[in-house]
N, C-alpha and C. Protein backbone atom coordinates (compact mmCIF):
# COMPACT_ATOMS: atom_id res chain seq x y z
N UNK A 1 97.30 168.72 126.38
CA UNK A 1 97.69 168.02 125.61
C UNK A 1 98.96 168.99 124.57
N UNK A 2 99.91 168.07 124.45
CA UNK A 2 101.24 168.79 124.01
C UNK A 2 100.83 169.61 122.56
N UNK A 3 101.72 170.19 122.02
CA UNK A 3 101.62 170.93 120.74
C UNK A 3 99.77 170.78 120.13
N UNK A 4 100.29 170.42 118.76
CA UNK A 4 99.00 170.64 118.01
C UNK A 4 98.10 171.45 117.84
N UNK A 5 98.44 172.86 118.05
CA UNK A 5 97.54 173.57 117.71
C UNK A 5 97.92 174.10 116.08
N UNK A 6 99.17 173.49 115.43
CA UNK A 6 99.28 174.19 114.44
C UNK A 6 100.03 172.53 113.51
N UNK A 7 99.69 171.64 113.94
CA UNK A 7 99.32 169.95 113.24
C UNK A 7 101.00 170.02 113.36
N UNK A 8 101.73 170.20 114.41
CA UNK A 8 103.26 170.19 114.51
C UNK A 8 104.00 170.41 113.31
N UNK A 9 103.81 171.58 112.71
CA UNK A 9 104.37 172.01 111.35
C UNK A 9 105.49 171.93 111.52
N UNK A 10 105.94 172.65 112.53
CA UNK A 10 107.36 172.79 113.00
C UNK A 10 108.01 171.22 112.51
N UNK A 11 108.14 170.40 112.62
CA UNK A 11 108.80 168.86 111.82
C UNK A 11 109.09 168.81 110.87
N UNK A 12 107.93 169.46 109.88
CA UNK A 12 108.15 169.79 108.62
C UNK A 12 109.22 170.58 108.28
N UNK A 13 109.03 171.47 109.03
CA UNK A 13 110.52 172.59 108.88
C UNK A 13 111.33 171.59 108.74
N UNK A 14 112.00 171.34 110.11
CA UNK A 14 112.78 170.72 110.91
C UNK A 14 113.36 169.74 109.99
N UNK A 15 112.41 168.91 108.93
CA UNK A 15 113.34 167.96 108.21
C UNK A 15 113.89 168.64 107.25
N UNK A 16 112.77 170.20 106.70
CA UNK A 16 113.58 170.72 105.68
C UNK A 16 115.03 171.33 105.92
N UNK A 17 115.28 172.16 107.03
CA UNK A 17 116.23 172.37 107.78
C UNK A 17 117.70 171.40 107.66
N UNK A 18 117.04 170.13 107.63
CA UNK A 18 118.11 169.30 108.25
C UNK A 18 118.61 168.96 107.03
N UNK A 19 118.04 168.77 105.68
CA UNK A 19 118.30 168.01 104.23
C UNK A 19 119.08 169.55 103.39
N UNK A 20 118.06 170.63 104.25
CA UNK A 20 119.34 171.92 104.00
C UNK A 20 120.86 171.76 104.18
N UNK A 21 120.97 171.86 105.77
CA UNK A 21 122.42 171.60 106.38
C UNK A 21 122.81 170.96 105.92
N UNK A 22 122.25 169.66 105.55
CA UNK A 22 123.33 168.56 105.24
C UNK A 22 123.87 168.95 103.40
N UNK A 23 123.25 169.50 103.38
CA UNK A 23 123.49 169.60 101.29
C UNK A 23 125.54 170.29 101.61
N UNK A 24 125.83 169.71 100.20
CA UNK A 24 127.14 170.28 99.80
C UNK A 24 126.91 171.82 99.41
N UNK A 25 125.89 172.42 99.11
CA UNK A 25 126.25 173.72 98.81
C UNK A 25 126.45 174.74 100.10
N UNK A 26 126.95 175.52 100.06
CA UNK A 26 127.10 176.11 101.39
C UNK A 26 125.90 177.55 101.48
N UNK A 27 124.61 177.93 100.03
CA UNK A 27 124.12 178.48 100.07
C UNK A 27 122.63 177.48 101.01
N UNK A 28 122.76 176.37 100.67
CA UNK A 28 121.53 176.06 101.09
C UNK A 28 122.03 175.29 102.55
N UNK A 29 123.40 174.96 102.47
CA UNK A 29 123.57 174.46 104.09
C UNK A 29 123.57 175.78 105.11
N UNK A 30 123.68 176.92 104.89
CA UNK A 30 123.59 177.93 105.67
C UNK A 30 122.16 178.43 105.89
N UNK A 31 121.18 177.75 104.52
CA UNK A 31 119.68 178.30 104.54
C UNK A 31 119.40 177.01 105.66
N UNK A 32 119.96 176.32 105.88
CA UNK A 32 119.04 174.98 106.58
C UNK A 32 119.35 175.95 107.94
N UNK A 33 120.58 176.13 108.30
CA UNK A 33 120.93 176.78 109.62
C UNK A 33 120.10 177.81 110.25
N UNK A 34 119.37 178.71 109.26
CA UNK A 34 118.21 179.51 109.38
C UNK A 34 116.76 178.70 109.41
N UNK A 35 116.35 177.70 109.16
CA UNK A 35 114.97 177.17 108.58
C UNK A 35 115.23 176.28 110.24
N UNK A 36 116.69 175.97 110.70
CA UNK A 36 116.42 175.41 111.84
C UNK A 36 115.71 176.46 112.83
N UNK A 37 116.33 177.77 113.22
CA UNK A 37 115.65 178.60 114.06
C UNK A 37 114.49 178.93 113.76
N UNK A 38 113.60 179.15 112.81
CA UNK A 38 112.37 179.03 111.85
C UNK A 38 111.94 177.74 113.04
N UNK A 39 112.11 176.89 112.45
CA UNK A 39 111.65 175.84 113.13
C UNK A 39 111.20 175.85 114.61
N UNK A 40 112.31 176.10 115.29
CA UNK A 40 112.75 176.31 117.08
C UNK A 40 111.19 177.26 117.08
N UNK A 41 111.12 178.15 116.47
CA UNK A 41 110.59 179.22 116.90
C UNK A 41 108.69 179.27 116.53
N UNK A 42 108.92 177.83 115.55
CA UNK A 42 107.24 177.71 115.18
C UNK A 42 107.01 176.61 116.07
N UNK A 43 107.54 175.74 116.62
CA UNK A 43 107.93 174.76 117.90
C UNK A 43 107.09 175.73 119.26
N UNK A 44 107.96 176.62 119.50
CA UNK A 44 107.33 177.63 120.82
C UNK A 44 106.14 178.50 120.36
N UNK A 45 105.36 178.32 119.22
CA UNK A 45 104.79 179.42 118.99
C UNK A 45 103.59 178.41 119.36
N UNK A 46 103.58 176.81 118.08
CA UNK A 46 103.07 176.12 118.61
C UNK A 46 102.14 175.24 120.13
N UNK A 47 103.45 175.46 120.66
CA UNK A 47 103.28 174.84 122.13
C UNK A 47 102.90 176.38 122.95
N UNK A 48 102.66 177.87 122.99
CA UNK A 48 101.84 178.64 123.70
C UNK A 48 100.55 178.52 122.57
N UNK A 49 100.72 178.44 121.76
CA UNK A 49 99.15 178.22 121.35
C UNK A 49 98.22 177.19 121.61
N UNK A 50 99.01 175.94 121.91
CA UNK A 50 98.81 174.83 122.77
C UNK A 50 98.18 174.73 124.53
N UNK A 51 98.55 175.97 124.96
CA UNK A 51 98.50 176.26 126.25
C UNK A 51 99.86 175.29 126.93
N UNK A 52 100.85 174.81 126.35
CA UNK A 52 101.52 174.11 126.96
C UNK A 52 102.94 175.21 127.27
N UNK A 53 102.99 176.22 126.76
CA UNK A 53 103.57 176.82 126.95
C UNK A 53 102.98 178.89 127.66
N UNK A 54 103.63 179.47 128.40
CA UNK A 54 102.80 180.62 128.14
C UNK A 54 103.62 181.29 127.70
N UNK A 55 101.95 182.50 127.13
CA UNK A 55 102.04 183.39 126.21
C UNK A 55 103.36 184.00 126.27
N UNK A 56 104.06 184.68 125.30
CA UNK A 56 105.39 185.38 125.56
C UNK A 56 106.33 184.40 125.47
N UNK A 57 106.47 183.23 125.77
CA UNK A 57 107.37 182.54 125.67
C UNK A 57 108.03 182.00 124.31
N UNK A 58 107.54 182.51 123.02
CA UNK A 58 107.67 182.73 121.96
C UNK A 58 108.79 183.13 121.55
N UNK A 59 108.38 184.77 122.31
CA UNK A 59 109.58 185.64 121.69
C UNK A 59 110.69 185.63 121.64
N UNK A 60 111.55 184.68 122.49
CA UNK A 60 112.95 184.47 122.17
C UNK A 60 113.38 183.75 121.23
N UNK A 61 112.76 182.67 121.20
CA UNK A 61 112.84 181.80 119.83
C UNK A 61 112.72 182.86 118.41
N UNK A 62 111.51 183.84 118.52
CA UNK A 62 111.35 184.68 116.99
C UNK A 62 111.76 185.59 117.15
N UNK A 63 113.05 186.47 118.31
CA UNK A 63 114.00 187.35 117.98
C UNK A 63 115.10 186.47 117.27
N UNK A 64 115.16 185.19 117.65
CA UNK A 64 116.59 184.71 116.47
C UNK A 64 116.67 185.00 115.20
N UNK A 65 115.14 184.79 114.43
CA UNK A 65 114.71 184.60 113.30
C UNK A 65 114.81 186.29 113.14
N UNK A 66 114.25 187.10 113.76
CA UNK A 66 114.61 188.38 112.57
C UNK A 66 114.96 189.56 112.98
N UNK A 67 114.81 190.81 112.24
CA UNK A 67 115.65 191.31 112.77
C UNK A 67 114.98 192.37 113.36
N UNK A 68 115.69 193.03 114.60
CA UNK A 68 114.81 194.29 114.92
C UNK A 68 114.19 194.88 114.10
N UNK A 69 114.75 195.68 113.44
CA UNK A 69 113.99 196.10 112.49
C UNK A 69 113.02 195.51 111.24
N UNK A 70 112.86 194.39 111.48
CA UNK A 70 111.66 193.49 110.72
C UNK A 70 110.50 194.10 111.70
N UNK A 71 110.79 193.65 112.94
CA UNK A 71 109.79 193.85 113.90
C UNK A 71 109.08 195.48 113.28
N UNK A 72 110.45 196.17 113.71
CA UNK A 72 109.67 197.84 113.49
C UNK A 72 109.13 198.30 112.12
N UNK A 73 109.07 197.81 111.41
CA UNK A 73 108.77 198.59 109.77
C UNK A 73 107.29 197.48 110.23
N UNK A 74 106.82 196.53 110.86
CA UNK A 74 105.53 195.79 110.58
C UNK A 74 104.88 196.48 111.46
N UNK A 75 105.41 196.85 112.57
CA UNK A 75 104.59 197.81 113.82
C UNK A 75 104.48 199.28 112.83
N UNK A 76 105.53 200.09 112.67
CA UNK A 76 104.62 201.02 111.70
C UNK A 76 104.04 201.04 110.51
N UNK A 77 104.31 199.77 109.79
CA UNK A 77 102.92 199.66 108.54
C UNK A 77 101.68 199.51 109.71
N UNK A 78 101.72 198.39 109.93
CA UNK A 78 100.67 198.41 111.08
C UNK A 78 99.29 199.63 111.56
N UNK A 79 100.83 200.57 112.25
CA UNK A 79 100.13 202.14 112.91
C UNK A 79 99.66 203.44 112.23
N UNK A 80 100.27 202.86 111.02
CA UNK A 80 99.87 203.61 109.74
C UNK A 80 98.51 203.09 108.84
N UNK A 81 98.08 201.88 109.06
CA UNK A 81 97.04 201.43 108.53
C UNK A 81 95.84 201.64 109.32
N UNK A 82 95.67 201.26 110.74
CA UNK A 82 95.40 202.30 111.90
C UNK A 82 94.76 203.85 111.93
N UNK A 83 96.22 204.72 111.00
CA UNK A 83 95.48 205.60 111.20
C UNK A 83 95.14 205.95 110.35
N UNK A 84 94.89 205.26 108.70
CA UNK A 84 94.43 205.34 107.81
C UNK A 84 92.49 205.39 107.89
N UNK A 85 92.36 203.98 108.92
CA UNK A 85 90.97 203.84 108.56
C UNK A 85 90.28 204.97 110.22
N UNK A 86 91.36 205.42 110.69
CA UNK A 86 90.67 206.20 111.66
C UNK A 86 90.12 207.55 111.40
N UNK A 87 91.07 207.65 110.19
CA UNK A 87 90.59 209.15 109.18
C UNK A 87 89.81 209.11 108.25
N UNK A 88 89.58 207.44 108.05
CA UNK A 88 88.13 207.61 107.09
C UNK A 88 86.91 207.29 108.09
N UNK A 89 87.27 207.31 109.45
CA UNK A 89 86.17 206.98 110.17
C UNK A 89 85.77 208.55 110.38
N UNK A 90 86.68 209.67 110.84
CA UNK A 90 86.72 210.33 111.34
C UNK A 90 85.95 211.51 109.54
N UNK A 91 86.11 211.40 108.85
CA UNK A 91 85.23 211.96 107.65
C UNK A 91 84.34 211.66 107.51
N UNK A 92 83.83 209.89 108.00
CA UNK A 92 82.50 209.22 107.44
C UNK A 92 81.50 210.16 108.54
N UNK A 93 82.05 210.25 109.92
CA UNK A 93 81.41 210.72 110.98
C UNK A 93 81.51 212.28 110.55
N UNK A 94 82.09 212.82 110.22
CA UNK A 94 81.97 214.18 110.01
C UNK A 94 81.00 214.70 108.73
N UNK A 95 80.19 213.65 108.13
CA UNK A 95 79.81 213.49 106.84
C UNK A 95 78.15 213.43 107.72
N UNK A 96 78.36 212.31 108.32
CA UNK A 96 77.26 211.93 109.50
C UNK A 96 76.13 213.22 109.87
N UNK A 97 77.54 214.22 110.59
CA UNK A 97 77.03 215.23 111.26
C UNK A 97 76.26 216.23 110.79
N UNK A 98 77.25 216.22 110.17
CA UNK A 98 76.82 217.32 108.63
C UNK A 98 74.90 217.11 108.20
N UNK A 99 74.83 216.30 108.01
CA UNK A 99 73.39 216.17 107.42
C UNK A 99 72.71 216.53 108.40
N UNK A 100 72.73 216.29 109.83
CA UNK A 100 71.99 216.34 110.87
C UNK A 100 71.16 217.91 111.35
């Protein structure tokens, strides 16, 4: 099976990108260029999720959309949430241990 795991959503993004790209407004046209990159990333994600591409084959397309600091910021925020959850679990375990 080729694609389909995201219901070919990338095709909608491609259409929007094309319409924006062909706009006479330079802001919309520039956004259209960016949307074309997003459409390619979504295509590759869909093909990976549908087992037509190997896991990781979507990364290069995603990198063209995001800045490295976007990825780093998300990773740091995720790590902070995990640390908070771990600290809550430690507190909970200490309370339970203290009751015995």
